[in-house]
Amino acid sequence: ITHSHWFGYSVMLVALTFIFVGVKRYRDLERGGVIRFLPAFGVGL
């Protein structure tokens, strides 16, 4: 199973949820809880 493409991309998807956490932390700590799409997308990208 660890050699399948599905497994590899599933691991990537789960691990890349840190993008959401990073965007949320940036929004909460640097932007006072409010963020527009482009700045959030920039941090995520």
All heavy atoms as atom14 arrays in JSON, in Angstrom:
{
  "sequence": "ITHSHWFGYSVMLVALTFIFVGVKRYRDLERGGVIRFLPAFGVGL",
  "atom14_mask": [
    [1, 1, 1, 1, 1, 1, 1, 1, 0, 0, 0, 0, 0, 0],
    [1, 1, 1, 1, 1, 1, 1, 0, 0, 0, 0, 0, 0, 0],
    [1, 1, 1, 1, 1, 1, 1, 1, 1, 1, 0, 0, 0, 0],
    [1, 1, 1, 1, 1, 1, 0, 0, 0, 0, 0, 0, 0, 0],
    [1, 1, 1, 1, 1, 1, 1, 1, 1, 1, 0, 0, 0, 0],
    [1, 1, 1, 1, 1, 1, 1, 1, 1, 1, 1, 1, 1, 1],
    [1, 1, 1, 1, 1, 1, 1, 1, 1, 1, 1, 0, 0, 0],
    [1, 1, 1, 1, 0, 0, 0, 0, 0, 0, 0, 0, 0, 0],
    [1, 1, 1, 1, 1, 1, 1, 1, 1, 1, 1, 1, 0, 0],
    [1, 1, 1, 1, 1, 1, 0, 0, 0, 0, 0, 0, 0, 0],
    [1, 1, 1, 1, 1, 1, 1, 0, 0, 0, 0, 0, 0, 0],
    [1, 1, 1, 1, 1, 1, 1, 1, 0, 0, 0, 0, 0, 0],
    [1, 1, 1, 1, 1, 1, 1, 1, 0, 0, 0, 0, 0, 0],
    [1, 1, 1, 1, 1, 1, 1, 0, 0, 0, 0, 0, 0, 0],
    [1, 1, 1, 1, 1, 0, 0, 0, 0, 0, 0, 0, 0, 0],
    [1, 1, 1, 1, 1, 1, 1, 1, 0, 0, 0, 0, 0, 0],
    [1, 1, 1, 1, 1, 1, 1, 0, 0, 0, 0, 0, 0, 0],
    [1, 1, 1, 1, 1, 1, 1, 1, 1, 1, 1, 0, 0, 0],
    [1, 1, 1, 1, 1, 1, 1, 1, 0, 0, 0, 0, 0, 0],
    [1, 1, 1, 1, 1, 1, 1, 1, 1, 1, 1, 0, 0, 0],
    [1, 1, 1, 1, 1, 1, 1, 0, 0, 0, 0, 0, 0, 0],
    [1, 1, 1, 1, 0, 0, 0, 0, 0, 0, 0, 0, 0, 0],
    [1, 1, 1, 1, 1, 1, 1, 0, 0, 0, 0, 0, 0, 0],
    [1, 1, 1, 1, 1, 1, 1, 1, 1, 0, 0, 0, 0, 0],
    [1, 1, 1, 1, 1, 1, 1, 1, 1, 1, 1, 0, 0, 0],
    [1, 1, 1, 1, 1, 1, 1, 1, 1, 1, 1, 1, 0, 0],
    [1, 1, 1, 1, 1, 1, 1, 1, 1, 1, 1, 0, 0, 0],
    [1, 1, 1, 1, 1, 1, 1, 1, 0, 0, 0, 0, 0, 0],
    [1, 1, 1, 1, 1, 1, 1, 1, 0, 0, 0, 0, 0, 0],
    [1, 1, 1, 1, 1, 1, 1, 1, 1, 0, 0, 0, 0, 0],
    [1, 1, 1, 1, 1, 1, 1, 1, 1, 1, 1, 0, 0, 0],
    [1, 1, 1, 1, 0, 0, 0, 0, 0, 0, 0, 0, 0, 0],
    [1, 1, 1, 1, 0, 0, 0, 0, 0, 0, 0, 0, 0, 0],
    [1, 1, 1, 1, 1, 1, 1, 0, 0, 0, 0, 0, 0, 0],
    [1, 1, 1, 1, 1, 1, 1, 1, 0, 0, 0, 0, 0, 0],
    [1, 1, 1, 1, 1, 1, 1, 1, 1, 1, 1, 0, 0, 0],
    [1, 1, 1, 1, 1, 1, 1, 1, 1, 1, 1, 0, 0, 0],
    [1, 1, 1, 1, 1, 1, 1, 1, 0, 0, 0, 0, 0, 0],
    [1, 1, 1, 1, 1, 1, 1, 0, 0, 0, 0, 0, 0, 0],
    [1, 1, 1, 1, 1, 0, 0, 0, 0, 0, 0, 0, 0, 0],
    [1, 1, 1, 1, 1, 1, 1, 1, 1, 1, 1, 0, 0, 0],
    [1, 1, 1, 1, 0, 0, 0, 0, 0, 0, 0, 0, 0, 0],
    [1, 1, 1, 1, 1, 1, 1, 0, 0, 0, 0, 0, 0, 0],
    [1, 1, 1, 1, 0, 0, 0, 0, 0, 0, 0, 0, 0, 0],
    [1, 1, 1, 1, 1, 1, 1, 1, 0, 0, 0, 0, 0, 0]
  ],
  "atom14_positions": [
    [[0.82, -1.21, 0.0], [0.0, 0.0, 0.0], [0.85, 1.26, 0.0], [0.49, 2.25, -0.62], [-1.0, 0.01, 1.19], [-1.92, 1.23, 1.15], [-0.25, 0.02, 2.52], [-2.9, 1.23, 0.04], [0.0, 0.0, 0.0], [0.0, 0.0, 0.0], [0.0, 0.0, 0.0], [0.0, 0.0, 0.0], [0.0, 0.0, 0.0], [0.0, 0.0, 0.0]],
    [[2.0, 1.24, 0.67], [2.84, 2.43, 0.73], [3.5, 2.76, -0.59], [4.07, 3.82, -0.74], [3.92, 2.3, 1.83], [4.73, 1.17, 1.52], [3.3, 2.18, 3.2], [0.0, 0.0, 0.0], [0.0, 0.0, 0.0], [0.0, 0.0, 0.0], [0.0, 0.0, 0.0], [0.0, 0.0, 0.0], [0.0, 0.0, 0.0], [0.0, 0.0, 0.0]],
    [[3.39, 1.88, -1.57], [3.97, 2.13, -2.89], [2.9, 2.54, -3.91], [3.21, 2.65, -5.09], [4.73, 0.89, -3.38], [5.99, 0.65, -2.62], [7.21, 1.13, -3.02], [6.22, 0.02, -1.45], [8.14, 0.79, -2.14], [7.55, 0.11, -1.18], [0.0, 0.0, 0.0], [0.0, 0.0, 0.0], [0.0, 0.0, 0.0], [0.0, 0.0, 0.0]],
    [[1.68, 2.76, -3.48], [0.63, 3.13, -4.42], [0.54, 4.64, -4.57], [0.87, 5.4, -3.65], [-0.72, 2.58, -3.96], [-1.25, 3.37, -2.92], [0.0, 0.0, 0.0], [0.0, 0.0, 0.0], [0.0, 0.0, 0.0], [0.0, 0.0, 0.0], [0.0, 0.0, 0.0], [0.0, 0.0, 0.0], [0.0, 0.0, 0.0], [0.0, 0.0, 0.0]],
    [[0.09, 5.06, -5.73], [-0.09, 6.5, -5.99], [-1.17, 7.07, -5.07], [-1.04, 8.19, -4.58], [-0.45, 6.75, -7.45], [0.66, 6.43, -8.39], [1.86, 7.1, -8.38], [0.76, 5.52, -9.38], [2.64, 6.61, -9.31], [2.0, 5.63, -9.93], [0.0, 0.0, 0.0], [0.0, 0.0, 0.0], [0.0, 0.0, 0.0], [0.0, 0.0, 0.0]],
    [[-2.22, 6.3, -4.84], [-3.31, 6.77, -3.97], [-2.81, 7.04, -2.56], [-3.17, 8.04, -1.95], [-4.45, 5.76, -3.93], [-5.21, 5.7, -5.21], [-5.18, 4.7, -6.13], [-6.08, 6.7, -5.74], [-5.98, 5.02, -7.19], [-6.55, 6.24, -6.97], [-6.51, 7.94, -5.28], [-7.42, 6.98, -7.76], [-7.38, 8.67, -6.06], [-7.83, 8.19, -7.29]],
    [[-1.98, 6.16, -2.06], [-1.42, 6.35, -0.73], [-0.56, 7.62, -0.69], [-0.69, 8.45, 0.22], [-0.6, 5.14, -0.3], [0.02, 5.3, 1.06], [-0.74, 5.14, 2.21], [1.37, 5.62, 1.2], [-0.17, 5.3, 3.47], [1.93, 5.79, 2.45], [1.16, 5.63, 3.59], [0.0, 0.0, 0.0], [0.0, 0.0, 0.0], [0.0, 0.0, 0.0]],
    [[0.31, 7.77, -1.67], [1.2, 8.93, -1.7], [0.44, 10.24, -1.75], [0.74, 11.18, -1.01], [0.0, 0.0, 0.0], [0.0, 0.0, 0.0], [0.0, 0.0, 0.0], [0.0, 0.0, 0.0], [0.0, 0.0, 0.0], [0.0, 0.0, 0.0], [0.0, 0.0, 0.0], [0.0, 0.0, 0.0], [0.0, 0.0, 0.0], [0.0, 0.0, 0.0]],
    [[-0.56, 10.32, -2.62], [-1.32, 11.56, -2.72], [-2.22, 11.79, -1.51], [-2.47, 12.92, -1.12], [-2.11, 11.62, -4.03], [-1.21, 11.99, -5.18], [-0.81, 11.04, -6.11], [-0.72, 13.28, -5.31], [0.04, 11.37, -7.15], [0.13, 13.63, -6.34], [0.51, 12.67, -7.27], [1.36, 13.01, -8.27], [0.0, 0.0, 0.0], [0.0, 0.0, 0.0]],
    [[-2.69, 10.73, -0.88], [-3.46, 10.88, 0.36], [-2.59, 11.45, 1.47], [-3.02, 12.34, 2.21], [-4.05, 9.53, 0.8], [-4.95, 9.05, -0.15], [0.0, 0.0, 0.0], [0.0, 0.0, 0.0], [0.0, 0.0, 0.0], [0.0, 0.0, 0.0], [0.0, 0.0, 0.0], [0.0, 0.0, 0.0], [0.0, 0.0, 0.0], [0.0, 0.0, 0.0]],
    [[-1.36, 10.96, 1.57], [-0.42, 11.49, 2.56], [-0.15, 12.97, 2.28], [-0.15, 13.8, 3.2], [0.9, 10.68, 2.56], [1.97, 11.38, 3.38], [0.65, 9.28, 3.09], [0.0, 0.0, 0.0], [0.0, 0.0, 0.0], [0.0, 0.0, 0.0], [0.0, 0.0, 0.0], [0.0, 0.0, 0.0], [0.0, 0.0, 0.0], [0.0, 0.0, 0.0]],
    [[0.06, 13.3, 1.01], [0.3, 14.7, 0.66], [-0.88, 15.57, 1.06], [-0.7, 16.65, 1.63], [0.55, 14.84, -0.84], [1.87, 14.34, -1.3], [2.0, 14.56, -3.09], [3.43, 13.55, -3.42], [0.0, 0.0, 0.0], [0.0, 0.0, 0.0], [0.0, 0.0, 0.0], [0.0, 0.0, 0.0], [0.0, 0.0, 0.0], [0.0, 0.0, 0.0]],
    [[-2.09, 15.13, 0.75], [-3.28, 15.91, 1.07], [-3.41, 16.14, 2.57], [-3.66, 17.26, 3.02], [-4.52, 15.24, 0.51], [-5.83, 15.99, 0.69], [-5.77, 17.35, -0.01], [-6.99, 15.17, 0.14], [0.0, 0.0, 0.0], [0.0, 0.0, 0.0], [0.0, 0.0, 0.0], [0.0, 0.0, 0.0], [0.0, 0.0, 0.0], [0.0, 0.0, 0.0]],
    [[-3.21, 15.09, 3.34], [-3.32, 15.22, 4.79], [-2.22, 16.15, 5.32], [-2.48, 17.06, 6.11], [-3.26, 13.84, 5.48], [-3.09, 13.97, 6.98], [-4.51, 13.03, 5.15], [0.0, 0.0, 0.0], [0.0, 0.0, 0.0], [0.0, 0.0, 0.0], [0.0, 0.0, 0.0], [0.0, 0.0, 0.0], [0.0, 0.0, 0.0], [0.0, 0.0, 0.0]],
    [[-0.99, 15.95, 4.88], [0.11, 16.78, 5.36], [-0.04, 18.23, 4.93], [0.33, 19.15, 5.68], [1.44, 16.22, 4.86], [0.0, 0.0, 0.0], [0.0, 0.0, 0.0], [0.0, 0.0, 0.0], [0.0, 0.0, 0.0], [0.0, 0.0, 0.0], [0.0, 0.0, 0.0], [0.0, 0.0, 0.0], [0.0, 0.0, 0.0], [0.0, 0.0, 0.0]],
    [[-0.59, 18.45, 3.75], [-0.74, 19.82, 3.26], [-1.89, 20.56, 3.94], [-2.1, 21.74, 3.66], [-0.89, 19.83, 1.74], [0.41, 19.5, 1.0], [0.14, 19.23, -0.48], [1.46, 20.58, 1.17], [0.0, 0.0, 0.0], [0.0, 0.0, 0.0], [0.0, 0.0, 0.0], [0.0, 0.0, 0.0], [0.0, 0.0, 0.0], [0.0, 0.0, 0.0]],
    [[-2.6, 19.91, 4.85], [-3.58, 20.65, 5.64], [-2.9, 21.67, 6.54], [-3.55, 22.57, 7.06], [-4.49, 19.72, 6.47], [-3.68, 18.95, 7.35], [-5.33, 18.83, 5.57], [0.0, 0.0, 0.0], [0.0, 0.0, 0.0], [0.0, 0.0, 0.0], [0.0, 0.0, 0.0], [0.0, 0.0, 0.0], [0.0, 0.0, 0.0], [0.0, 0.0, 0.0]],
    [[-1.57, 21.54, 6.7], [-0.83, 22.58, 7.41], [-0.94, 23.93, 6.7], [-0.76, 24.97, 7.31], [0.65, 22.2, 7.58], [0.9, 21.26, 8.73], [1.31, 19.96, 8.5], [0.75, 21.68, 10.04], [1.56, 19.1, 9.55], [0.99, 20.83, 11.1], [1.39, 19.53, 10.85], [0.0, 0.0, 0.0], [0.0, 0.0, 0.0], [0.0, 0.0, 0.0]],
    [[-1.26, 23.91, 5.41], [-1.49, 25.17, 4.69], [-2.67, 25.89, 5.31], [-2.61, 27.09, 5.59], [-1.73, 24.91, 3.18], [-0.45, 24.4, 2.52], [-2.24, 26.17, 2.48], [-0.62, 23.93, 1.1], [0.0, 0.0, 0.0], [0.0, 0.0, 0.0], [0.0, 0.0, 0.0], [0.0, 0.0, 0.0], [0.0, 0.0, 0.0], [0.0, 0.0, 0.0]],
    [[-3.75, 25.15, 5.54], [-4.93, 25.74, 6.16], [-4.59, 26.29, 7.54], [-4.99, 27.41, 7.89], [-6.06, 24.71, 6.27], [-7.25, 25.22, 7.02], [-8.16, 26.07, 6.41], [-7.46, 24.87, 8.35], [-9.26, 26.57, 7.1], [-8.55, 25.36, 9.05], [-9.45, 26.21, 8.42], [0.0, 0.0, 0.0], [0.0, 0.0, 0.0], [0.0, 0.0, 0.0]],
    [[-3.84, 25.52, 8.31], [-3.47, 25.96, 9.66], [-2.63, 27.23, 9.59], [-2.85, 28.17, 10.36], [-2.71, 24.84, 10.42], [-2.21, 25.32, 11.76], [-3.59, 23.61, 10.58], [0.0, 0.0, 0.0], [0.0, 0.0, 0.0], [0.0, 0.0, 0.0], [0.0, 0.0, 0.0], [0.0, 0.0, 0.0], [0.0, 0.0, 0.0], [0.0, 0.0, 0.0]],
    [[-1.68, 27.29, 8.66], [-0.84, 28.47, 8.5], [-1.64, 29.7, 8.1], [-1.42, 30.8, 8.63], [0.0, 0.0, 0.0], [0.0, 0.0, 0.0], [0.0, 0.0, 0.0], [0.0, 0.0, 0.0], [0.0, 0.0, 0.0], [0.0, 0.0, 0.0], [0.0, 0.0, 0.0], [0.0, 0.0, 0.0], [0.0, 0.0, 0.0], [0.0, 0.0, 0.0]],
    [[-2.57, 29.53, 7.16], [-3.42, 30.66, 6.74], [-4.27, 31.13, 7.9], [-4.41, 32.33, 8.15], [-4.29, 30.27, 5.52], [-5.35, 31.32, 5.24], [-3.43, 30.04, 4.29], [0.0, 0.0, 0.0], [0.0, 0.0, 0.0], [0.0, 0.0, 0.0], [0.0, 0.0, 0.0], [0.0, 0.0, 0.0], [0.0, 0.0, 0.0], [0.0, 0.0, 0.0]],
    [[-4.83, 30.2, 8.65], [-5.66, 30.57, 9.8], [-4.85, 31.29, 10.87], [-5.29, 32.3, 11.42], [-6.33, 29.33, 10.38], [-7.29, 29.64, 11.53], [-7.91, 28.4, 12.08], [-8.86, 28.67, 13.22], [-8.47, 29.66, 14.19], [0.0, 0.0, 0.0], [0.0, 0.0, 0.0], [0.0, 0.0, 0.0], [0.0, 0.0, 0.0], [0.0, 0.0, 0.0]],
    [[-3.67, 30.78, 11.16], [-2.81, 31.44, 12.17], [-2.42, 32.84, 11.71], [-2.42, 33.78, 12.5], [-1.55, 30.61, 12.43], [-1.8, 29.25, 13.03], [-2.04, 29.26, 14.49], [-0.86, 29.76, 15.17], [-0.81, 30.04, 16.45], [-1.86, 29.85, 17.2], [0.29, 30.5, 17.01], [0.0, 0.0, 0.0], [0.0, 0.0, 0.0], [0.0, 0.0, 0.0]],
    [[-2.09, 32.99, 10.43], [-1.75, 34.3, 9.88], [-2.95, 35.25, 10.02], [-2.8, 36.39, 10.46], [-1.34, 34.16, 8.41], [-1.04, 35.47, 7.74], [0.11, 36.19, 8.04], [-1.91, 35.99, 6.79], [0.38, 37.4, 7.42], [-1.65, 37.2, 6.16], [-0.51, 37.89, 6.48], [-0.24, 39.1, 5.87], [0.0, 0.0, 0.0], [0.0, 0.0, 0.0]],
    [[-4.13, 34.74, 9.66], [-5.35, 35.55, 9.78], [-5.58, 35.98, 11.22], [-5.83, 37.14, 11.51], [-6.55, 34.76, 9.27], [-7.86, 35.53, 9.36], [-9.05, 34.63, 9.28], [-9.16, 33.86, 10.53], [-9.95, 32.82, 10.69], [-10.71, 32.39, 9.7], [-10.0, 32.19, 11.84], [0.0, 0.0, 0.0], [0.0, 0.0, 0.0], [0.0, 0.0, 0.0]],
    [[-5.47, 35.03, 12.14], [-5.79, 35.32, 13.54], [-4.74, 36.19, 14.22], [-5.09, 37.1, 14.97], [-5.95, 34.01, 14.32], [-7.17, 33.22, 13.87], [-8.03, 33.77, 13.16], [-7.25, 32.02, 14.22], [0.0, 0.0, 0.0], [0.0, 0.0, 0.0], [0.0, 0.0, 0.0], [0.0, 0.0, 0.0], [0.0, 0.0, 0.0], [0.0, 0.0, 0.0]],
    [[-3.47, 35.92, 13.99], [-2.41, 36.62, 14.72], [-1.93, 37.91, 14.05], [-1.55, 38.84, 14.75], [-1.22, 35.68, 14.93], [-1.51, 34.42, 15.76], [-0.29, 33.53, 15.83], [-2.0, 34.79, 17.15], [0.0, 0.0, 0.0], [0.0, 0.0, 0.0], [0.0, 0.0, 0.0], [0.0, 0.0, 0.0], [0.0, 0.0, 0.0], [0.0, 0.0, 0.0]],
    [[-1.94, 37.95, 12.74], [-1.4, 39.12, 12.04], [-2.48, 40.04, 11.49], [-2.21, 41.21, 11.27], [-0.5, 38.67, 10.86], [0.62, 37.74, 11.26], [1.67, 38.4, 12.13], [1.89, 39.63, 12.0], [2.26, 37.7, 12.97], [0.0, 0.0, 0.0], [0.0, 0.0, 0.0], [0.0, 0.0, 0.0], [0.0, 0.0, 0.0], [0.0, 0.0, 0.0]],
    [[-3.67, 39.51, 11.26], [-4.71, 40.29, 10.6], [-5.93, 40.53, 11.48], [-6.97, 40.94, 10.99], [-5.16, 39.59, 9.32], [-4.09, 39.38, 8.29], [-3.66, 40.7, 7.68], [-3.22, 40.5, 6.33], [-3.61, 41.2, 5.29], [-4.45, 42.17, 5.43], [-3.15, 40.94, 4.11], [0.0, 0.0, 0.0], [0.0, 0.0, 0.0], [0.0, 0.0, 0.0]],
    [[-5.84, 40.24, 12.75], [-6.94, 40.5, 13.66], [-8.2, 39.68, 13.4], [-9.3, 40.11, 13.71], [0.0, 0.0, 0.0], [0.0, 0.0, 0.0], [0.0, 0.0, 0.0], [0.0, 0.0, 0.0], [0.0, 0.0, 0.0], [0.0, 0.0, 0.0], [0.0, 0.0, 0.0], [0.0, 0.0, 0.0], [0.0, 0.0, 0.0], [0.0, 0.0, 0.0]],
    [[-8.03, 38.5, 12.82], [-9.16, 37.61, 12.59], [-9.88, 37.81, 11.27], [-10.86, 37.12, 11.0], [0.0, 0.0, 0.0], [0.0, 0.0, 0.0], [0.0, 0.0, 0.0], [0.0, 0.0, 0.0], [0.0, 0.0, 0.0], [0.0, 0.0, 0.0], [0.0, 0.0, 0.0], [0.0, 0.0, 0.0], [0.0, 0.0, 0.0], [0.0, 0.0, 0.0]],
    [[-9.4, 38.74, 10.44], [-10.05, 39.01, 9.16], [-9.0, 38.98, 8.06], [-7.92, 39.57, 8.2], [-10.74, 40.4, 9.17], [-11.37, 40.7, 7.82], [-11.78, 40.47, 10.27], [0.0, 0.0, 0.0], [0.0, 0.0, 0.0], [0.0, 0.0, 0.0], [0.0, 0.0, 0.0], [0.0, 0.0, 0.0], [0.0, 0.0, 0.0], [0.0, 0.0, 0.0]],
    [[-9.31, 38.29, 6.97], [-8.37, 38.25, 5.84], [-9.16, 38.14, 4.54], [-10.19, 37.48, 4.49], [-7.36, 37.09, 6.0], [-6.2, 37.24, 5.02], [-8.04, 35.75, 5.86], [-5.04, 36.3, 5.3], [0.0, 0.0, 0.0], [0.0, 0.0, 0.0], [0.0, 0.0, 0.0], [0.0, 0.0, 0.0], [0.0, 0.0, 0.0], [0.0, 0.0, 0.0]],
    [[-8.65, 38.79, 3.51], [-9.27, 38.71, 2.19], [-8.67, 37.52, 1.44], [-7.67, 36.95, 1.86], [-9.06, 40.02, 1.44], [-9.73, 41.19, 2.19], [-9.58, 42.52, 1.54], [-10.34, 42.82, 0.34], [-11.67, 42.91, 0.25], [-12.4, 42.68, 1.31], [-12.24, 43.23, -0.87], [0.0, 0.0, 0.0], [0.0, 0.0, 0.0], [0.0, 0.0, 0.0]],
    [[-9.29, 37.21, 0.32], [-8.9, 36.03, -0.44], [-7.44, 36.1, -0.91], [-6.68, 35.13, -0.71], [-9.83, 35.84, -1.65], [-9.44, 34.67, -2.5], [-9.82, 33.39, -2.15], [-8.66, 34.84, -3.64], [-9.45, 32.29, -2.93], [-8.29, 33.76, -4.42], [-8.68, 32.49, -4.07], [0.0, 0.0, 0.0], [0.0, 0.0, 0.0], [0.0, 0.0, 0.0]],
    [[-7.04, 37.18, -1.54], [-5.68, 37.22, -2.12], [-4.56, 37.12, -1.09], [-3.62, 36.36, -1.31], [-5.51, 38.45, -3.01], [-6.2, 38.37, -4.36], [-6.0, 39.65, -5.16], [-5.72, 37.17, -5.16], [0.0, 0.0, 0.0], [0.0, 0.0, 0.0], [0.0, 0.0, 0.0], [0.0, 0.0, 0.0], [0.0, 0.0, 0.0], [0.0, 0.0, 0.0]],
    [[-4.62, 37.85, 0.02], [-3.56, 37.64, 1.02], [-3.56, 36.21, 1.58], [-2.49, 35.63, 1.8], [-3.89, 38.65, 2.12], [-4.71, 39.7, 1.46], [-5.48, 38.99, 0.39], [0.0, 0.0, 0.0], [0.0, 0.0, 0.0], [0.0, 0.0, 0.0], [0.0, 0.0, 0.0], [0.0, 0.0, 0.0], [0.0, 0.0, 0.0], [0.0, 0.0, 0.0]],
    [[-4.74, 35.64, 1.79], [-4.81, 34.27, 2.3], [-4.25, 33.3, 1.26], [-3.49, 32.39, 1.6], [-6.25, 33.91, 2.63], [0.0, 0.0, 0.0], [0.0, 0.0, 0.0], [0.0, 0.0, 0.0], [0.0, 0.0, 0.0], [0.0, 0.0, 0.0], [0.0, 0.0, 0.0], [0.0, 0.0, 0.0], [0.0, 0.0, 0.0], [0.0, 0.0, 0.0]],
    [[-4.58, 33.53, -0.02], [-4.06, 32.67, -1.07], [-2.55, 32.82, -1.19], [-1.84, 31.84, -1.41], [-4.74, 33.0, -2.41], [-4.25, 32.15, -3.54], [-4.45, 30.78, -3.53], [-3.59, 32.72, -4.61], [-3.99, 29.99, -4.58], [-3.13, 31.94, -5.65], [-3.33, 30.58, -5.64], [0.0, 0.0, 0.0], [0.0, 0.0, 0.0], [0.0, 0.0, 0.0]],
    [[-2.04, 34.03, -1.01], [-0.6, 34.25, -1.06], [0.14, 33.47, 0.01], [1.17, 32.83, -0.26], [0.0, 0.0, 0.0], [0.0, 0.0, 0.0], [0.0, 0.0, 0.0], [0.0, 0.0, 0.0], [0.0, 0.0, 0.0], [0.0, 0.0, 0.0], [0.0, 0.0, 0.0], [0.0, 0.0, 0.0], [0.0, 0.0, 0.0], [0.0, 0.0, 0.0]],
    [[-0.38, 33.48, 1.23], [0.24, 32.71, 2.31], [0.15, 31.21, 2.0], [1.12, 30.46, 2.17], [-0.42, 33.03, 3.67], [0.06, 32.08, 4.76], [-0.15, 34.47, 4.07], [0.0, 0.0, 0.0], [0.0, 0.0, 0.0], [0.0, 0.0, 0.0], [0.0, 0.0, 0.0], [0.0, 0.0, 0.0], [0.0, 0.0, 0.0], [0.0, 0.0, 0.0]],
    [[-1.01, 30.77, 1.53], [-1.19, 29.36, 1.19], [-0.28, 28.92, 0.05], [0.33, 27.84, 0.11], [0.0, 0.0, 0.0], [0.0, 0.0, 0.0], [0.0, 0.0, 0.0], [0.0, 0.0, 0.0], [0.0, 0.0, 0.0], [0.0, 0.0, 0.0], [0.0, 0.0, 0.0], [0.0, 0.0, 0.0], [0.0, 0.0, 0.0], [0.0, 0.0, 0.0]],
    [[-0.16, 29.75, -0.97], [0.7, 29.43, -2.11], [2.16, 29.37, -1.69], [2.89, 28.44, -2.07], [0.49, 30.48, -3.21], [1.2, 30.23, -4.53], [0.69, 28.95, -5.17], [0.95, 31.42, -5.47], [0.0, 0.0, 0.0], [0.0, 0.0, 0.0], [0.0, 0.0, 0.0], [0.0, 0.0, 0.0], [0.0, 0.0, 0.0], [0.0, 0.0, 0.0]]
  ]
}
